[in-house]
């Protein structure tokens, strides 16, 4: 059976599976941001021979330029404002939203804006 075929699923089962997959994706994105934030904070890309986190994401993680940019920006913002991790994990905030919101976050307004 083709791993990506869904034709064998009933309508309700397919809808449940879709919702579960989206929830896992949100959680995985938050975990990815946490990993990137920690690697970036420790500058672990340097001993690997890369001058920046961006280059590491492109060359090792094989992210597109846009994907690397968004994830690094979001990870850095989440490191500064950890509530971002939970907002992403719960699906209340997406990467583009984090990137757009991050420059406006301060310790005084983060709770309210997030």
C-alpha atoms as a PDB file:
ATOM      1  CA  UNK A   1       0.000   0.000   0.000  1.00  0.00           C
ATOM      2  CA  UNK A   2       1.210   3.498  -0.807  1.00  0.00           C
ATOM      3  CA  UNK A   3       2.095   5.247   2.459  1.00  0.00           C
ATOM      4  CA  UNK A   4       0.562   8.477   1.238  1.00  0.00           C
ATOM      5  CA  UNK A   5      -2.660   7.097  -0.161  1.00  0.00           C
ATOM      6  CA  UNK A   6      -5.743   8.014   1.837  1.00  0.00           C
ATOM      7  CA  UNK A   7      -8.368   6.504  -0.466  1.00  0.00           C
ATOM      8  CA  UNK A   8      -8.930   3.577   1.909  1.00  0.00           C
ATOM      9  CA  UNK A   9     -10.001   5.834   4.803  1.00  0.00           C
ATOM     10  CA  UNK A  10     -13.595   6.670   5.556  1.00  0.00           C
ATOM     11  CA  UNK A  11     -14.582  10.316   5.656  1.00  0.00           C
ATOM     12  CA  UNK A  12     -14.636  10.674   9.453  1.00  0.00           C
ATOM     13  CA  UNK A  13     -11.403   8.734   9.898  1.00  0.00           C
ATOM     14  CA  UNK A  14      -9.696  10.928   7.293  1.00  0.00           C
ATOM     15  CA  UNK A  15     -10.894  14.098   9.035  1.00  0.00           C
ATOM     16  CA  UNK A  16      -9.680  12.818  12.427  1.00  0.00           C
ATOM     17  CA  UNK A  17      -6.331  11.870  10.933  1.00  0.00           C
ATOM     18  CA  UNK A  18      -5.989  15.267   9.306  1.00  0.00           C
ATOM     19  CA  UNK A  19      -6.642  17.065  12.592  1.00  0.00           C
ATOM     20  CA  UNK A  20      -4.132  14.842  14.391  1.00  0.00           C
ATOM     21  CA  UNK A  21      -1.516  15.419  11.708  1.00  0.00           C
ATOM     22  CA  UNK A  22      -1.928  19.191  11.932  1.00  0.00           C
ATOM     23  CA  UNK A  23      -1.581  19.036  15.731  1.00  0.00           C
ATOM     24  CA  UNK A  24       1.624  16.993  15.371  1.00  0.00           C
ATOM     25  CA  UNK A  25       2.933  19.473  12.825  1.00  0.00           C
ATOM     26  CA  UNK A  26       2.382  22.407  15.213  1.00  0.00           C
ATOM     27  CA  UNK A  27       4.147  20.540  18.008  1.00  0.00           C
ATOM     28  CA  UNK A  28       6.994  19.510  15.711  1.00  0.00           C
ATOM     29  CA  UNK A  29       7.420  23.114  14.554  1.00  0.00           C
ATOM     30  CA  UNK A  30       7.677  24.330  18.151  1.00  0.00           C
ATOM     31  CA  UNK A  31      10.227  21.605  18.909  1.00  0.00           C
ATOM     32  CA  UNK A  32      12.200  22.523  15.789  1.00  0.00           C
ATOM     33  CA  UNK A  33      12.270  26.149  16.918  1.00  0.00           C
ATOM     34  CA  UNK A  34      13.488  25.079  20.364  1.00  0.00           C
ATOM     35  CA  UNK A  35      16.281  22.996  18.809  1.00  0.00           C
ATOM     36  CA  UNK A  36      17.295  25.784  16.436  1.00  0.00           C
ATOM     37  CA  UNK A  37      17.255  28.332  19.260  1.00  0.00           C
ATOM     38  CA  UNK A  38      19.559  26.194  21.386  1.00  0.00           C
ATOM     39  CA  UNK A  39      21.954  25.354  18.532  1.00  0.00           C
ATOM     40  CA  UNK A  40      22.036  29.035  17.613  1.00  0.00           C
ATOM     41  CA  UNK A  41      22.546  30.139  21.204  1.00  0.00           C
ATOM     42  CA  UNK A  42      25.432  27.711  21.658  1.00  0.00           C
ATOM     43  CA  UNK A  43      26.767  28.619  18.198  1.00  0.00           C
ATOM     44  CA  UNK A  44      27.202  24.932  17.411  1.00  0.00           C
ATOM     45  CA  UNK A  45      27.345  25.693  13.707  1.00  0.00           C
ATOM     46  CA  UNK A  46      30.850  27.180  14.134  1.00  0.00           C
ATOM     47  CA  UNK A  47      32.656  23.926  15.058  1.00  0.00           C
ATOM     48  CA  UNK A  48      30.816  22.312  12.145  1.00  0.00           C
ATOM     49  CA  UNK A  49      32.581  24.746   9.809  1.00  0.00           C
ATOM     50  CA  UNK A  50      29.728  27.157   9.089  1.00  0.00           C
ATOM     51  CA  UNK A  51      29.991  30.909   9.624  1.00  0.00           C
ATOM     52  CA  UNK A  52      26.328  31.333  10.511  1.00  0.00           C
ATOM     53  CA  UNK A  53      23.202  29.535  11.604  1.00  0.00           C
ATOM     54  CA  UNK A  54      21.707  30.465   8.255  1.00  0.00           C
ATOM     55  CA  UNK A  55      24.445  28.667   6.317  1.00  0.00           C
ATOM     56  CA  UNK A  56      24.108  25.643   8.596  1.00  0.00           C
ATOM     57  CA  UNK A  57      20.370  25.495   7.924  1.00  0.00           C
ATOM     58  CA  UNK A  58      20.918  25.719   4.177  1.00  0.00           C
ATOM     59  CA  UNK A  59      23.804  23.266   3.856  1.00  0.00           C
ATOM     60  CA  UNK A  60      23.152  20.709   6.592  1.00  0.00           C
ATOM     61  CA  UNK A  61      19.408  20.858   7.197  1.00  0.00           C
ATOM     62  CA  UNK A  62      18.650  21.492   3.502  1.00  0.00           C
ATOM     63  CA  UNK A  63      16.122  24.195   4.250  1.00  0.00           C
ATOM     64  CA  UNK A  64      15.247  26.689   1.550  1.00  0.00           C
ATOM     65  CA  UNK A  65      16.504  30.232   2.025  1.00  0.00           C
ATOM     66  CA  UNK A  66      13.041  31.413   3.052  1.00  0.00           C
ATOM     67  CA  UNK A  67      12.456  28.481   5.402  1.00  0.00           C
ATOM     68  CA  UNK A  68      15.838  28.998   7.064  1.00  0.00           C
ATOM     69  CA  UNK A  69      15.261  32.725   7.470  1.00  0.00           C
ATOM     70  CA  UNK A  70      11.800  32.318   9.008  1.00  0.00           C
ATOM     71  CA  UNK A  71      12.782  29.521  11.347  1.00  0.00           C
ATOM     72  CA  UNK A  72      15.921  31.245  12.595  1.00  0.00           C
ATOM     73  CA  UNK A  73      14.073  34.522  13.184  1.00  0.00           C
ATOM     74  CA  UNK A  74      11.247  32.698  14.940  1.00  0.00           C
ATOM     75  CA  UNK A  75      13.666  30.619  17.030  1.00  0.00           C
ATOM     76  CA  UNK A  76      15.554  33.712  18.159  1.00  0.00           C
ATOM     77  CA  UNK A  77      12.327  35.468  19.075  1.00  0.00           C
ATOM     78  CA  UNK A  78      11.102  32.399  20.963  1.00  0.00           C
ATOM     79  CA  UNK A  79      14.367  32.169  22.856  1.00  0.00           C
ATOM     80  CA  UNK A  80      13.783  35.733  24.027  1.00  0.00           C
ATOM     81  CA  UNK A  81      10.036  35.248  24.545  1.00  0.00           C
ATOM     82  CA  UNK A  82       9.451  31.550  25.410  1.00  0.00           C
ATOM     83  CA  UNK A  83       5.657  31.916  25.236  1.00  0.00           C
ATOM     84  CA  UNK A  84       6.117  31.787  21.464  1.00  0.00           C
ATOM     85  CA  UNK A  85       6.973  28.082  21.677  1.00  0.00           C
ATOM     86  CA  UNK A  86       3.640  27.255  23.278  1.00  0.00           C
ATOM     87  CA  UNK A  87       1.690  29.536  20.934  1.00  0.00           C
ATOM     88  CA  UNK A  88       3.214  27.760  17.925  1.00  0.00           C
ATOM     89  CA  UNK A  89       2.693  24.312  19.460  1.00  0.00           C
ATOM     90  CA  UNK A  90      -0.988  25.079  20.033  1.00  0.00           C
ATOM     91  CA  UNK A  91      -1.424  26.478  16.528  1.00  0.00           C
ATOM     92  CA  UNK A  92      -2.264  29.978  17.769  1.00  0.00           C
ATOM     93  CA  UNK A  93       0.745  31.471  16.006  1.00  0.00           C
ATOM     94  CA  UNK A  94       2.498  30.428  12.800  1.00  0.00           C
ATOM     95  CA  UNK A  95       6.026  31.136  11.597  1.00  0.00           C
ATOM     96  CA  UNK A  96       5.086  34.096   9.418  1.00  0.00           C
ATOM     97  CA  UNK A  97       3.166  35.547  12.341  1.00  0.00           C
ATOM     98  CA  UNK A  98       6.156  35.169  14.639  1.00  0.00           C
ATOM     99  CA  UNK A  99       8.462  36.839  12.124  1.00  0.00           C
ATOM    100  CA  UNK A 100       6.017  39.717  11.664  1.00  0.00           C
ATOM    101  CA  UNK A 101       5.336  40.129  15.378  1.00  0.00           C
ATOM    102  CA  UNK A 102       8.870  39.652  16.736  1.00  0.00           C
ATOM    103  CA  UNK A 103      10.242  43.144  16.022  1.00  0.00           C
ATOM    104  CA  UNK A 104       7.382  44.644  18.022  1.00  0.00           C
ATOM    105  CA  UNK A 105       7.693  42.427  21.112  1.00  0.00           C
ATOM    106  CA  UNK A 106       9.033  43.860  24.324  1.00  0.00           C
ATOM    107  CA  UNK A 107       9.071  42.427  27.843  1.00  0.00           C
ATOM    108  CA  UNK A 108       6.254  44.859  28.631  1.00  0.00           C
ATOM    109  CA  UNK A 109       3.908  43.901  25.777  1.00  0.00           C
ATOM    110  CA  UNK A 110       4.794  40.272  24.976  1.00  0.00           C
ATOM    111  CA  UNK A 111       2.196  38.740  27.288  1.00  0.00           C
ATOM    112  CA  UNK A 112      -0.580  40.821  25.774  1.00  0.00           C
ATOM    113  CA  UNK A 113       0.475  40.416  22.137  1.00  0.00           C
ATOM    114  CA  UNK A 114       1.141  36.705  22.384  1.00  0.00           C
END
